[in-house]
Amino acid sequence: MDWSSILGNTARAAIGLETVIYALAAIGLNVQFGYAGLLNFGQAAFVAVGAYGIAVTVTVLGLPFWLGVVVGLVAAVLLAVLLGIPTLRLRADYLAIATIAAAEIVRLTVRSATLRDQTGGSSGLSGFAEGFYDLSPFTPGQSYGFGPWVFGARLAWILLVGWVLVAVCCLVVFLLMRSPWGRVLKGIREDEDAVRSLGKNVYAYKMQALVIGGVIGALAGFVFGVGRASVQPDLYGTELTFFVYTVLLLGGAARVLGPVVGAAIFWVALVLIENVLVQAVGAGYVPDWLMSSTQVGQVRFMLVGLALMLLMIFRPQGIFGDRRELAIDAR
């Protein structure tokens, strides 16, 4: 087995595109769920709105890339407001059901044949990312980095921008949660009735948390769409939200760096297990009757799922989390 290739691929995954996307999406979810206690299962909708905001603006309307960013952010705010008005008075499981349904409505809407000319239907859209890559300071055809972290010019540019966005979002969340606003938000998570009795507008605080988390989720959509240079509706299904929750709980909810660490560990584990299994099957260490190369993808999720089950049993607060942060008011 080629361990240098296995370890190299694993090291690149720690700072790779998927890690950036899921870190941003989980940072937004951390504001909503970790700090405000909102059981939002519709984060995939905000990611989709951000990605499609750029794609539709550039590809269909023929407008500049930067305007597509603005459209995506505004669309995320509007989605949060429209989603929050009827649902934020719900709690726990009822809110989860409403938000997951809203996310599916968004996905099926952009996937519909009726909007094929605007959203590309089930095939999605492409050809909108060149405006972003035209801003790159890196020379096309050159490689950048050191050791195992060597990337082409396009990937290096999107990773640089993506990690800057992750750092900025972490800083914003850190400052917000140290402010009086953040302390009220955490109070709502623990007991919103007590916060309401102190004269605070709980509904307004929840709406603000949903909007901020949704906007950060839209940033993940920007990186997702531009990094792949295409958008396709089935990439923004419910499994995306479930993976984001996995990342958040793995690193630790209500911790500023929890989503970032969780995203890195999650993708490192997936890539490491996949590479080891692929090479083990290819080298004949794993018999064909037990597992074939086409089954590696399913088996890696099974093994990672088993590890997450053990983590939730023995350390439910996550790696850096605090058990007291899980005391969410779910009445």
C-alpha atoms as a PDB file:
ATOM      1  CA  MET A   1       0.000   0.000   0.000  1.00  0.00           C
ATOM      2  CA  ASP A   2       1.206   3.482  -0.917  1.00  0.00           C
ATOM      3  CA  TRP A   3       1.096   5.207   2.461  1.00  0.00           C
ATOM      4  CA  SER A   4       2.699   8.389   1.145  1.00  0.00           C
ATOM      5  CA  SER A   5      -0.225   8.831  -1.249  1.00  0.00           C
ATOM      6  CA  ILE A   6      -2.747   7.983   1.476  1.00  0.00           C
ATOM      7  CA  LEU A   7      -1.277  10.429   3.977  1.00  0.00           C
ATOM      8  CA  GLY A   8      -0.815  13.121   1.316  1.00  0.00           C
ATOM      9  CA  ASN A   9      -4.457  12.929   0.239  1.00  0.00           C
ATOM     10  CA  THR A  10      -5.552  12.968   3.880  1.00  0.00           C
ATOM     11  CA  ALA A  11      -3.433  16.027   4.676  1.00  0.00           C
ATOM     12  CA  ARG A  12      -4.862  17.913   1.694  1.00  0.00           C
ATOM     13  CA  ALA A  13      -8.382  17.057   2.827  1.00  0.00           C
ATOM     14  CA  ALA A  14      -7.764  18.854   6.132  1.00  0.00           C
ATOM     15  CA  ILE A  15      -7.737  22.216   4.331  1.00  0.00           C
ATOM     16  CA  GLY A  16      -9.566  21.174   1.172  1.00  0.00           C
ATOM     17  CA  LEU A  17     -12.596  22.683  -0.520  1.00  0.00           C
ATOM     18  CA  GLU A  18     -15.129  20.424   1.207  1.00  0.00           C
ATOM     19  CA  THR A  19     -13.687  21.335   4.608  1.00  0.00           C
ATOM     20  CA  VAL A  20     -14.106  25.050   3.857  1.00  0.00           C
ATOM     21  CA  ILE A  21     -17.687  24.597   2.620  1.00  0.00           C
ATOM     22  CA  TYR A  22     -18.825  22.571   5.602  1.00  0.00           C
ATOM     23  CA  ALA A  23     -16.956  24.758   8.076  1.00  0.00           C
ATOM     24  CA  LEU A  24     -18.788  27.857   6.821  1.00  0.00           C
ATOM     25  CA  ALA A  25     -22.165  26.110   6.773  1.00  0.00           C
ATOM     26  CA  ALA A  26     -21.558  24.787  10.297  1.00  0.00           C
ATOM     27  CA  ILE A  27     -20.487  28.208  11.597  1.00  0.00           C
ATOM     28  CA  GLY A  28     -23.846  29.569  10.451  1.00  0.00           C
ATOM     29  CA  LEU A  29     -25.659  26.623  12.006  1.00  0.00           C
ATOM     30  CA  ASN A  30     -23.678  27.156  15.212  1.00  0.00           C
ATOM     31  CA  VAL A  31     -25.205  30.631  15.545  1.00  0.00           C
ATOM     32  CA  GLN A  32     -28.690  29.208  15.048  1.00  0.00           C
ATOM     33  CA  PHE A  33     -28.476  25.922  16.928  1.00  0.00           C
ATOM     34  CA  GLY A  34     -25.413  26.141  19.150  1.00  0.00           C
ATOM     35  CA  TYR A  35     -26.050  29.623  20.549  1.00  0.00           C
ATOM     36  CA  ALA A  36     -29.756  30.339  19.950  1.00  0.00           C
ATOM     37  CA  GLY A  37     -31.085  26.797  20.345  1.00  0.00           C
ATOM     38  CA  LEU A  38     -32.938  26.847  17.005  1.00  0.00           C
ATOM     39  CA  LEU A  39     -33.257  23.305  15.677  1.00  0.00           C
ATOM     40  CA  ASN A  40     -32.894  24.395  12.060  1.00  0.00           C
ATOM     41  CA  PHE A  41     -32.791  21.499   9.604  1.00  0.00           C
ATOM     42  CA  GLY A  42     -32.948  23.803   6.588  1.00  0.00           C
ATOM     43  CA  GLN A  43     -29.356  25.039   6.393  1.00  0.00           C
ATOM     44  CA  ALA A  44     -28.998  23.407   2.985  1.00  0.00           C
ATOM     45  CA  ALA A  45     -31.543  25.916   1.667  1.00  0.00           C
ATOM     46  CA  PHE A  46     -29.304  28.857   2.597  1.00  0.00           C
ATOM     47  CA  VAL A  47     -26.319  27.174   0.950  1.00  0.00           C
ATOM     48  CA  ALA A  48     -28.403  26.623  -2.188  1.00  0.00           C
ATOM     49  CA  VAL A  49     -29.659  30.214  -2.226  1.00  0.00           C
ATOM     50  CA  GLY A  50     -26.100  31.544  -2.044  1.00  0.00           C
ATOM     51  CA  ALA A  51     -24.893  29.298  -4.860  1.00  0.00           C
ATOM     52  CA  TYR A  52     -27.885  29.923  -7.110  1.00  0.00           C
ATOM     53  CA  GLY A  53     -27.775  33.654  -6.383  1.00  0.00           C
ATOM     54  CA  ILE A  54     -24.425  33.888  -8.141  1.00  0.00           C
ATOM     55  CA  ALA A  55     -25.244  31.339 -10.849  1.00  0.00           C
ATOM     56  CA  VAL A  56     -28.547  32.890 -11.931  1.00  0.00           C
ATOM     57  CA  THR A  57     -27.264  36.472 -11.744  1.00  0.00           C
ATOM     58  CA  VAL A  58     -24.201  35.788 -13.903  1.00  0.00           C
ATOM     59  CA  THR A  59     -25.394  33.034 -16.252  1.00  0.00           C
ATOM     60  CA  VAL A  60     -29.036  33.978 -16.834  1.00  0.00           C
ATOM     61  CA  LEU A  61     -29.100  37.741 -16.235  1.00  0.00           C
ATOM     62  CA  GLY A  62     -25.604  38.411 -17.575  1.00  0.00           C
ATOM     63  CA  LEU A  63     -24.672  40.687 -14.663  1.00  0.00           C
ATOM     64  CA  PRO A  64     -21.238  41.010 -12.987  1.00  0.00           C
ATOM     65  CA  PHE A  65     -20.003  38.420 -10.497  1.00  0.00           C
ATOM     66  CA  TRP A  66     -19.869  40.833  -7.556  1.00  0.00           C
ATOM     67  CA  LEU A  67     -23.533  41.663  -8.098  1.00  0.00           C
ATOM     68  CA  GLY A  68     -24.294  37.954  -7.905  1.00  0.00           C
ATOM     69  CA  VAL A  69     -22.700  37.900  -4.445  1.00  0.00           C
ATOM     70  CA  VAL A  70     -24.975  40.749  -3.365  1.00  0.00           C
ATOM     71  CA  VAL A  71     -28.023  38.977  -4.800  1.00  0.00           C
ATOM     72  CA  GLY A  72     -27.104  35.771  -2.961  1.00  0.00           C
ATOM     73  CA  LEU A  73     -26.723  37.563   0.365  1.00  0.00           C
ATOM     74  CA  VAL A  74     -29.988  39.470  -0.052  1.00  0.00           C
ATOM     75  CA  ALA A  75     -31.765  36.260  -1.051  1.00  0.00           C
ATOM     76  CA  ALA A  76     -30.432  34.549   2.098  1.00  0.00           C
ATOM     77  CA  VAL A  77     -31.786  37.377   4.261  1.00  0.00           C
ATOM     78  CA  LEU A  78     -35.188  37.219   2.538  1.00  0.00           C
ATOM     79  CA  LEU A  79     -35.310  33.441   2.916  1.00  0.00           C
ATOM     80  CA  ALA A  80     -34.494  33.717   6.623  1.00  0.00           C
ATOM     81  CA  VAL A  81     -37.237  36.303   7.145  1.00  0.00           C
ATOM     82  CA  LEU A  82     -39.820  34.348   5.151  1.00  0.00           C
ATOM     83  CA  LEU A  83     -38.853  31.145   6.929  1.00  0.00           C
ATOM     84  CA  GLY A  84     -38.718  32.756  10.349  1.00  0.00           C
ATOM     85  CA  ILE A  85     -42.046  34.607  10.323  1.00  0.00           C
ATOM     86  CA  PRO A  86     -44.234  31.467  10.474  1.00  0.00           C
ATOM     87  CA  THR A  87     -41.796  29.047  12.176  1.00  0.00           C
ATOM     88  CA  LEU A  88     -39.864  30.812  14.938  1.00  0.00           C
ATOM     89  CA  ARG A  89     -42.763  30.515  17.361  1.00  0.00           C
ATOM     90  CA  LEU A  90     -42.362  26.752  17.067  1.00  0.00           C
ATOM     91  CA  ARG A  91     -39.955  24.823  19.259  1.00  0.00           C
ATOM     92  CA  ALA A  92     -37.781  21.720  19.057  1.00  0.00           C
ATOM     93  CA  ASP A  93     -39.121  18.988  16.738  1.00  0.00           C
ATOM     94  CA  TYR A  94     -41.852  21.178  15.244  1.00  0.00           C
ATOM     95  CA  LEU A  95     -39.291  23.746  14.110  1.00  0.00           C
ATOM     96  CA  ALA A  96     -37.075  20.988  12.703  1.00  0.00           C
ATOM     97  CA  ILE A  97     -39.933  19.560  10.628  1.00  0.00           C
ATOM     98  CA  ALA A  98     -40.920  22.981   9.290  1.00  0.00           C
ATOM     99  CA  THR A  99     -37.362  23.950   8.315  1.00  0.00           C
ATOM    100  CA  ILE A 100     -36.517  20.660   6.642  1.00  0.00           C
ATOM    101  CA  ALA A 101     -39.717  20.980   4.600  1.00  0.00           C
ATOM    102  CA  ALA A 102     -38.771  24.542   3.626  1.00  0.00           C
ATOM    103  CA  ALA A 103     -35.344  23.366   2.459  1.00  0.00           C
ATOM    104  CA  GLU A 104     -36.930  20.706   0.280  1.00  0.00           C
ATOM    105  CA  ILE A 105     -39.313  23.298  -1.172  1.00  0.00           C
ATOM    106  CA  VAL A 106     -36.319  25.425  -2.194  1.00  0.00           C
ATOM    107  CA  ARG A 107     -34.515  22.442  -3.751  1.00  0.00           C
ATOM    108  CA  LEU A 108     -37.551  21.199  -5.660  1.00  0.00           C
ATOM    109  CA  THR A 109     -38.373  24.714  -6.847  1.00  0.00           C
ATOM    110  CA  VAL A 110     -34.974  25.287  -8.486  1.00  0.00           C
ATOM    111  CA  ARG A 111     -35.130  21.718  -9.812  1.00  0.00           C
ATOM    112  CA  SER A 112     -38.527  22.093 -11.475  1.00  0.00           C
ATOM    113  CA  ALA A 113     -38.863  21.900 -15.237  1.00  0.00           C
ATOM    114  CA  THR A 114     -40.988  25.060 -15.198  1.00  0.00           C
ATOM    115  CA  LEU A 115     -37.945  27.133 -14.159  1.00  0.00           C
ATOM    116  CA  ARG A 116     -35.499  25.347 -16.449  1.00  0.00           C
ATOM    117  CA  ASP A 117     -34.660  28.564 -18.321  1.00  0.00           C
ATOM    118  CA  GLN A 118     -33.902  30.395 -15.059  1.00  0.00           C
ATOM    119  CA  THR A 119     -32.304  27.717 -12.857  1.00  0.00           C
ATOM    120  CA  GLY A 120     -31.293  25.000 -15.297  1.00  0.00           C
ATOM    121  CA  GLY A 121     -33.766  22.501 -13.850  1.00  0.00           C
ATOM    122  CA  SER A 122     -32.281  19.181 -12.734  1.00  0.00           C
ATOM    123  CA  SER A 123     -29.142  19.835 -14.793  1.00  0.00           C
ATOM    124  CA  GLY A 124     -28.265  23.039 -12.939  1.00  0.00           C
ATOM    125  CA  LEU A 125     -26.126  25.896 -14.238  1.00  0.00           C
ATOM    126  CA  SER A 126     -22.457  26.377 -15.049  1.00  0.00           C
ATOM    127  CA  GLY A 127     -20.150  28.949 -16.603  1.00  0.00           C
ATOM    128  CA  PHE A 128     -20.520  31.623 -13.930  1.00  0.00           C
ATOM    129  CA  ALA A 129     -17.254  31.281 -11.999  1.00  0.00           C
ATOM    130  CA  GLU A 130     -14.797  32.882 -14.425  1.00  0.00           C
ATOM    131  CA  GLY A 131     -15.424  36.362 -13.041  1.00  0.00           C
ATOM    132  CA  PHE A 132     -14.162  35.121  -9.687  1.00  0.00           C
ATOM    133  CA  TYR A 133     -11.082  33.404 -11.086  1.00  0.00           C
ATOM    134  CA  ASP A 134     -10.229  36.459 -13.193  1.00  0.00           C
ATOM    135  CA  LEU A 135      -9.505  38.216  -9.875  1.00  0.00           C
ATOM    136  CA  SER A 136      -6.939  35.595  -8.890  1.00  0.00           C
ATOM    137  CA  PRO A 137      -3.365  36.811  -8.268  1.00  0.00           C
ATOM    138  CA  PHE A 138      -2.063  33.313  -9.047  1.00  0.00           C
ATOM    139  CA  THR A 139      -0.628  32.461 -12.464  1.00  0.00           C
ATOM    140  CA  PRO A 140      -2.673  29.869 -14.376  1.00  0.00           C
ATOM    141  CA  GLY A 141      -0.831  26.611 -14.887  1.00  0.00           C
ATOM    142  CA  GLN A 142       1.380  27.117 -11.842  1.00  0.00           C
ATOM    143  CA  SER A 143       1.236  25.190  -8.562  1.00  0.00           C
ATOM    144  CA  TYR A 144       1.370  26.772  -5.131  1.00  0.00           C
ATOM    145  CA  GLY A 145       2.005  25.438  -1.650  1.00  0.00           C
ATOM    146  CA  PHE A 146       4.469  23.200   0.123  1.00  0.00           C
ATOM    147  CA  GLY A 147       4.765  19.570   1.185  1.00  0.00           C
ATOM    148  CA  PRO A 148       1.508  17.703   0.576  1.00  0.00           C
ATOM    149  CA  TRP A 149      -0.404  21.003   0.366  1.00  0.00           C
ATOM    150  CA  VAL A 150       0.309  21.841  -3.270  1.00  0.00           C
ATOM    151  CA  PHE A 151      -2.624  23.098  -5.332  1.00  0.00           C
ATOM    152  CA  GLY A 152      -3.224  24.460  -8.810  1.00  0.00           C
ATOM    153  CA  ALA A 153      -3.828  28.171  -9.335  1.00  0.00           C
ATOM    154  CA  ARG A 154      -7.645  27.943  -9.410  1.00  0.00           C
ATOM    155  CA  LEU A 155      -7.935  25.721  -6.349  1.00  0.00           C
ATOM    156  CA  ALA A 156      -5.350  27.759  -4.438  1.00  0.00           C
ATOM    157  CA  TRP A 157      -7.360  30.940  -5.084  1.00  0.00           C
ATOM    158  CA  ILE A 158     -10.720  29.538  -3.944  1.00  0.00           C
ATOM    159  CA  LEU A 159      -9.085  27.955  -0.882  1.00  0.00           C
ATOM    160  CA  LEU A 160      -7.422  31.245   0.034  1.00  0.00           C
ATOM    161  CA  VAL A 161     -10.690  33.160  -0.235  1.00  0.00           C
ATOM    162  CA  GLY A 162     -12.587  30.387   1.523  1.00  0.00           C
ATOM    163  CA  TRP A 163     -10.282  30.233   4.534  1.00  0.00           C
ATOM    164  CA  VAL A 164     -10.302  34.027   4.811  1.00  0.00           C
ATOM    165  CA  LEU A 165     -14.106  33.852   4.950  1.00  0.00           C
ATOM    166  CA  VAL A 166     -13.881  31.145   7.632  1.00  0.00           C
ATOM    167  CA  ALA A 167     -11.513  33.297   9.715  1.00  0.00           C
ATOM    168  CA  VAL A 168     -13.686  36.411   9.340  1.00  0.00           C
ATOM    169  CA  CYS A 169     -16.867  34.517  10.244  1.00  0.00           C
ATOM    170  CA  CYS A 170     -15.217  32.983  13.312  1.00  0.00           C
ATOM    171  CA  LEU A 171     -14.076  36.435  14.421  1.00  0.00           C
ATOM    172  CA  VAL A 172     -17.565  37.884  13.910  1.00  0.00           C
ATOM    173  CA  VAL A 173     -19.175  35.055  15.895  1.00  0.00           C
ATOM    174  CA  PHE A 174     -16.579  35.441  18.667  1.00  0.00           C
ATOM    175  CA  LEU A 175     -17.281  39.165  18.983  1.00  0.00           C
ATOM    176  CA  LEU A 176     -21.056  38.727  18.798  1.00  0.00           C
ATOM    177  CA  MET A 177     -21.160  36.064  21.486  1.00  0.00           C
ATOM    178  CA  ARG A 178     -19.044  38.167  23.850  1.00  0.00           C
ATOM    179  CA  SER A 179     -21.470  41.075  23.449  1.00  0.00           C
ATOM    180  CA  PRO A 180     -24.721  41.656  25.383  1.00  0.00           C
ATOM    181  CA  TRP A 181     -26.587  40.473  22.287  1.00  0.00           C
ATOM    182  CA  GLY A 182     -24.792  37.130  22.418  1.00  0.00           C
ATOM    183  CA  ARG A 183     -25.492  36.687  26.114  1.00  0.00           C
ATOM    184  CA  VAL A 184     -29.198  37.255  25.507  1.00  0.00           C
ATOM    185  CA  LEU A 185     -29.080  34.723  22.672  1.00  0.00           C
ATOM    186  CA  LYS A 186     -27.547  32.077  24.933  1.00  0.00           C
ATOM    187  CA  GLY A 187     -30.147  32.899  27.565  1.00  0.00           C
ATOM    188  CA  ILE A 188     -32.881  32.211  25.013  1.00  0.00           C
ATOM    189  CA  ARG A 189     -31.283  28.848  24.297  1.00  0.00           C
ATOM    190  CA  GLU A 190     -31.390  27.919  27.970  1.00  0.00           C
ATOM    191  CA  ASP A 191     -34.845  29.279  28.892  1.00  0.00           C
ATOM    192  CA  GLU A 192     -36.607  31.645  26.552  1.00  0.00           C
ATOM    193  CA  ASP A 193     -39.516  32.144  28.954  1.00  0.00           C
ATOM    194  CA  ALA A 194     -37.138  33.563  31.545  1.00  0.00           C
ATOM    195  CA  VAL A 195     -35.589  35.893  28.968  1.00  0.00           C
ATOM    196  CA  ARG A 196     -39.044  36.996  27.850  1.00  0.00           C
ATOM    197  CA  SER A 197     -39.965  37.776  31.438  1.00  0.00           C
ATOM    198  CA  LEU A 198     -37.044  40.214  31.529  1.00  0.00           C
ATOM    199  CA  GLY A 199     -38.639  42.252  28.740  1.00  0.00           C
ATOM    200  CA  LYS A 200     -36.550  40.972  25.833  1.00  0.00           C
ATOM    201  CA  ASN A 201     -38.127  40.426  22.433  1.00  0.00           C
ATOM    202  CA  VAL A 202     -37.284  36.738  22.047  1.00  0.00           C
ATOM    203  CA  TYR A 203     -38.844  36.515  18.594  1.00  0.00           C
ATOM    204  CA  ALA A 204     -36.659  39.353  17.270  1.00  0.00           C
ATOM    205  CA  TYR A 205     -33.486  37.778  18.677  1.00  0.00           C
ATOM    206  CA  LYS A 206     -34.349  34.444  17.109  1.00  0.00           C
ATOM    207  CA  MET A 207     -34.983  36.128  13.779  1.00  0.00           C
ATOM    208  CA  GLN A 208     -31.632  37.909  13.962  1.00  0.00           C
ATOM    209  CA  ALA A 209     -29.848  34.624  14.739  1.00  0.00           C
ATOM    210  CA  LEU A 210     -31.595  32.915  11.835  1.00  0.00           C
ATOM    211  CA  VAL A 211     -30.620  35.732   9.454  1.00  0.00           C
ATOM    212  CA  ILE A 212     -26.959  35.807  10.559  1.00  0.00           C
ATOM    213  CA  GLY A 213     -26.644  32.026  10.366  1.00  0.00           C
ATOM    214  CA  GLY A 214     -28.347  32.009   6.979  1.00  0.00           C
ATOM    215  CA  VAL A 215     -26.026  34.661   5.563  1.00  0.00           C
ATOM    216  CA  ILE A 216     -22.987  32.666   6.682  1.00  0.00           C
ATOM    217  CA  GLY A 217     -24.591  29.599   5.099  1.00  0.00           C
ATOM    218  CA  ALA A 218     -24.924  31.573   1.857  1.00  0.00           C
ATOM    219  CA  LEU A 219     -21.168  32.233   1.991  1.00  0.00           C
ATOM    220  CA  ALA A 220     -20.714  28.452   2.056  1.00  0.00           C
ATOM    221  CA  GLY A 221     -22.926  28.340  -1.033  1.00  0.00           C
ATOM    222  CA  PHE A 222     -20.670  30.862  -2.788  1.00  0.00           C
ATOM    223  CA  VAL A 223     -17.622  28.688  -2.150  1.00  0.00           C
ATOM    224  CA  PHE A 224     -19.565  25.548  -3.094  1.00  0.00           C
ATOM    225  CA  GLY A 225     -20.772  26.942  -6.407  1.00  0.00           C
ATOM    226  CA  VAL A 226     -17.591  28.730  -7.446  1.00  0.00           C
ATOM    227  CA  GLY A 227     -15.330  25.883  -6.328  1.00  0.00           C
ATOM    228  CA  ARG A 228     -17.217  23.405  -8.488  1.00  0.00           C
ATOM    229  CA  ALA A 229     -17.919  26.022 -11.199  1.00  0.00           C
ATOM    230  CA  SER A 230     -21.487  24.696 -11.350  1.00  0.00           C
ATOM    231  CA  VAL A 231     -24.665  24.307  -9.315  1.00  0.00           C
ATOM    232  CA  GLN A 232     -26.980  21.315  -9.345  1.00  0.00           C
ATOM    233  CA  PRO A 233     -30.073  21.108  -7.104  1.00  0.00           C
ATOM    234  CA  ASP A 234     -29.559  17.582  -5.826  1.00  0.00           C
ATOM    235  CA  LEU A 235     -26.294  18.669  -4.184  1.00  0.00           C
ATOM    236  CA  TYR A 236     -28.360  20.699  -1.711  1.00  0.00           C
ATOM    237  CA  GLY A 237     -30.539  17.927  -0.329  1.00  0.00           C
ATOM    238  CA  THR A 238     -31.240  17.056   3.283  1.00  0.00           C
ATOM    239  CA  GLU A 239     -28.045  15.021   3.577  1.00  0.00           C
ATOM    240  CA  LEU A 240     -26.078  18.261   3.302  1.00  0.00           C
ATOM    241  CA  THR A 241     -27.783  19.586   6.433  1.00  0.00           C
ATOM    242  CA  PHE A 242     -27.222  16.266   8.229  1.00  0.00           C
ATOM    243  CA  PHE A 243     -23.505  16.385   7.411  1.00  0.00           C
ATOM    244  CA  VAL A 244     -23.331  19.973   8.649  1.00  0.00           C
ATOM    245  CA  TYR A 245     -24.935  18.902  11.938  1.00  0.00           C
ATOM    246  CA  THR A 246     -22.424  16.060  12.147  1.00  0.00           C
ATOM    247  CA  VAL A 247     -19.561  18.505  11.675  1.00  0.00           C
ATOM    248  CA  LEU A 248     -20.967  20.873  14.304  1.00  0.00           C
ATOM    249  CA  LEU A 249     -21.582  18.190  16.918  1.00  0.00           C
ATOM    250  CA  LEU A 250     -18.228  16.572  16.217  1.00  0.00           C
ATOM    251  CA  GLY A 251     -16.273  19.746  16.910  1.00  0.00           C
ATOM    252  CA  GLY A 252     -18.567  20.967  19.667  1.00  0.00           C
ATOM    253  CA  ALA A 253     -21.654  23.187  19.493  1.00  0.00           C
ATOM    254  CA  ALA A 254     -21.496  26.703  20.951  1.00  0.00           C
ATOM    255  CA  ARG A 255     -17.730  26.823  20.437  1.00  0.00           C
ATOM    256  CA  VAL A 256     -16.314  29.353  17.976  1.00  0.00           C
ATOM    257  CA  LEU A 257     -13.765  26.966  16.450  1.00  0.00           C
ATOM    258  CA  GLY A 258     -15.871  23.834  16.933  1.00  0.00           C
ATOM    259  CA  PRO A 259     -17.324  23.877  13.374  1.00  0.00           C
ATOM    260  CA  VAL A 260     -13.885  24.382  11.804  1.00  0.00           C
ATOM    261  CA  VAL A 261     -12.251  21.576  13.748  1.00  0.00           C
ATOM    262  CA  GLY A 262     -15.253  19.333  13.176  1.00  0.00           C
ATOM    263  CA  ALA A 263     -15.187  19.910   9.410  1.00  0.00           C
ATOM    264  CA  ALA A 264     -11.469  19.131   9.212  1.00  0.00           C
ATOM    265  CA  ILE A 265     -11.776  15.949  11.295  1.00  0.00           C
ATOM    266  CA  PHE A 266     -14.855  14.779   9.395  1.00  0.00           C
ATOM    267  CA  TRP A 267     -13.265  15.063   5.956  1.00  0.00           C
ATOM    268  CA  VAL A 268      -9.876  13.778   7.125  1.00  0.00           C
ATOM    269  CA  ALA A 269     -11.604  10.670   8.488  1.00  0.00           C
ATOM    270  CA  LEU A 270     -13.613  10.137   5.296  1.00  0.00           C
ATOM    271  CA  VAL A 271     -10.631  10.572   2.974  1.00  0.00           C
ATOM    272  CA  LEU A 272      -8.303   8.471   5.131  1.00  0.00           C
ATOM    273  CA  ILE A 273     -10.751   5.576   5.389  1.00  0.00           C
ATOM    274  CA  GLU A 274     -11.582   5.728   1.674  1.00  0.00           C
ATOM    275  CA  ASN A 275      -7.932   5.735   0.580  1.00  0.00           C
ATOM    276  CA  VAL A 276      -6.989   2.909   2.938  1.00  0.00           C
ATOM    277  CA  LEU A 277      -9.925   0.766   1.837  1.00  0.00           C
ATOM    278  CA  VAL A 278      -9.366   1.416  -1.875  1.00  0.00           C
ATOM    279  CA  GLN A 279      -5.717   0.428  -1.673  1.00  0.00           C
ATOM    280  CA  ALA A 280      -6.446  -2.520   0.624  1.00  0.00           C
ATOM    281  CA  VAL A 281      -9.010  -3.870  -1.840  1.00  0.00           C
ATOM    282  CA  GLY A 282      -6.665  -3.246  -4.785  1.00  0.00           C
ATOM    283  CA  ALA A 283      -3.766  -4.998  -3.054  1.00  0.00           C
ATOM    284  CA  GLY A 284      -5.910  -8.016  -2.207  1.00  0.00           C
ATOM    285  CA  TYR A 285      -5.844  -7.546   1.565  1.00  0.00           C
ATOM    286  CA  VAL A 286      -9.639  -7.448   1.546  1.00  0.00           C
ATOM    287  CA  PRO A 287     -11.276 -10.456  -0.195  1.00  0.00           C
ATOM    288  CA  ASP A 288     -13.744  -9.796  -3.000  1.00  0.00           C
ATOM    289  CA  TRP A 289     -16.532 -11.632  -1.196  1.00  0.00           C
ATOM    290  CA  LEU A 290     -16.255  -9.187   1.703  1.00  0.00           C
ATOM    291  CA  MET A 291     -16.038  -5.873  -0.159  1.00  0.00           C
ATOM    292  CA  SER A 292     -15.416  -4.631  -3.694  1.00  0.00           C
ATOM    293  CA  SER A 293     -13.944  -1.305  -4.798  1.00  0.00           C
ATOM    294  CA  THR A 294     -17.407  -0.020  -5.713  1.00  0.00           C
ATOM    295  CA  GLN A 295     -18.581  -0.521  -2.128  1.00  0.00           C
ATOM    296  CA  VAL A 296     -15.836   1.532  -0.527  1.00  0.00           C
ATOM    297  CA  GLY A 297     -17.905   4.732  -0.594  1.00  0.00           C
ATOM    298  CA  GLN A 298     -20.736   3.162   1.397  1.00  0.00           C
ATOM    299  CA  VAL A 299     -18.429   1.370   3.832  1.00  0.00           C
ATOM    300  CA  ARG A 300     -16.505   4.552   4.700  1.00  0.00           C
ATOM    301  CA  PHE A 301     -19.736   6.261   5.750  1.00  0.00           C
ATOM    302  CA  MET A 302     -20.660   3.209   7.816  1.00  0.00           C
ATOM    303  CA  LEU A 303     -17.327   3.306   9.657  1.00  0.00           C
ATOM    304  CA  VAL A 304     -17.447   7.061  10.195  1.00  0.00           C
ATOM    305  CA  GLY A 305     -21.042   6.709  11.377  1.00  0.00           C
ATOM    306  CA  LEU A 306     -19.968   4.059  13.887  1.00  0.00           C
ATOM    307  CA  ALA A 307     -17.224   6.354  15.186  1.00  0.00           C
ATOM    308  CA  LEU A 308     -19.737   9.195  15.555  1.00  0.00           C
ATOM    309  CA  MET A 309     -22.123   6.928  17.453  1.00  0.00           C
ATOM    310  CA  LEU A 310     -19.352   6.097  19.908  1.00  0.00           C
ATOM    311  CA  LEU A 311     -18.510   9.790  20.225  1.00  0.00           C
ATOM    312  CA  MET A 312     -22.115  10.657  21.024  1.00  0.00           C
ATOM    313  CA  ILE A 313     -22.265   7.876  23.621  1.00  0.00           C
ATOM    314  CA  PHE A 314     -19.053   8.709  25.452  1.00  0.00           C
ATOM    315  CA  ARG A 315     -18.682  12.437  24.690  1.00  0.00           C
ATOM    316  CA  PRO A 316     -22.002  13.873  23.472  1.00  0.00           C
ATOM    317  CA  GLN A 317     -20.781  17.474  23.749  1.00  0.00           C
ATOM    318  CA  GLY A 318     -18.229  16.892  20.971  1.00  0.00           C
ATOM    319  CA  ILE A 319     -14.465  17.202  21.073  1.00  0.00           C
ATOM    320  CA  PHE A 320     -14.255  20.799  22.324  1.00  0.00           C
ATOM    321  CA  GLY A 321     -17.825  21.224  23.533  1.00  0.00           C
ATOM    322  CA  ASP A 322     -19.142  21.646  27.053  1.00  0.00           C
ATOM    323  CA  ARG A 323     -21.885  19.344  28.308  1.00  0.00           C
ATOM    324  CA  ARG A 324     -23.613  22.320  29.889  1.00  0.00           C
ATOM    325  CA  GLU A 325     -24.006  23.896  26.423  1.00  0.00           C
ATOM    326  CA  LEU A 326     -26.348  21.052  25.470  1.00  0.00           C
ATOM    327  CA  ALA A 327     -28.965  22.102  28.007  1.00  0.00           C
ATOM    328  CA  ILE A 328     -31.282  23.490  25.325  1.00  0.00           C
ATOM    329  CA  ASP A 329     -34.844  24.363  26.217  1.00  0.00           C
ATOM    330  CA  ALA A 330     -36.836  21.929  24.077  1.00  0.00           C
ATOM    331  CA  ARG A 331     -40.281  22.451  25.531  1.00  0.00           C
END
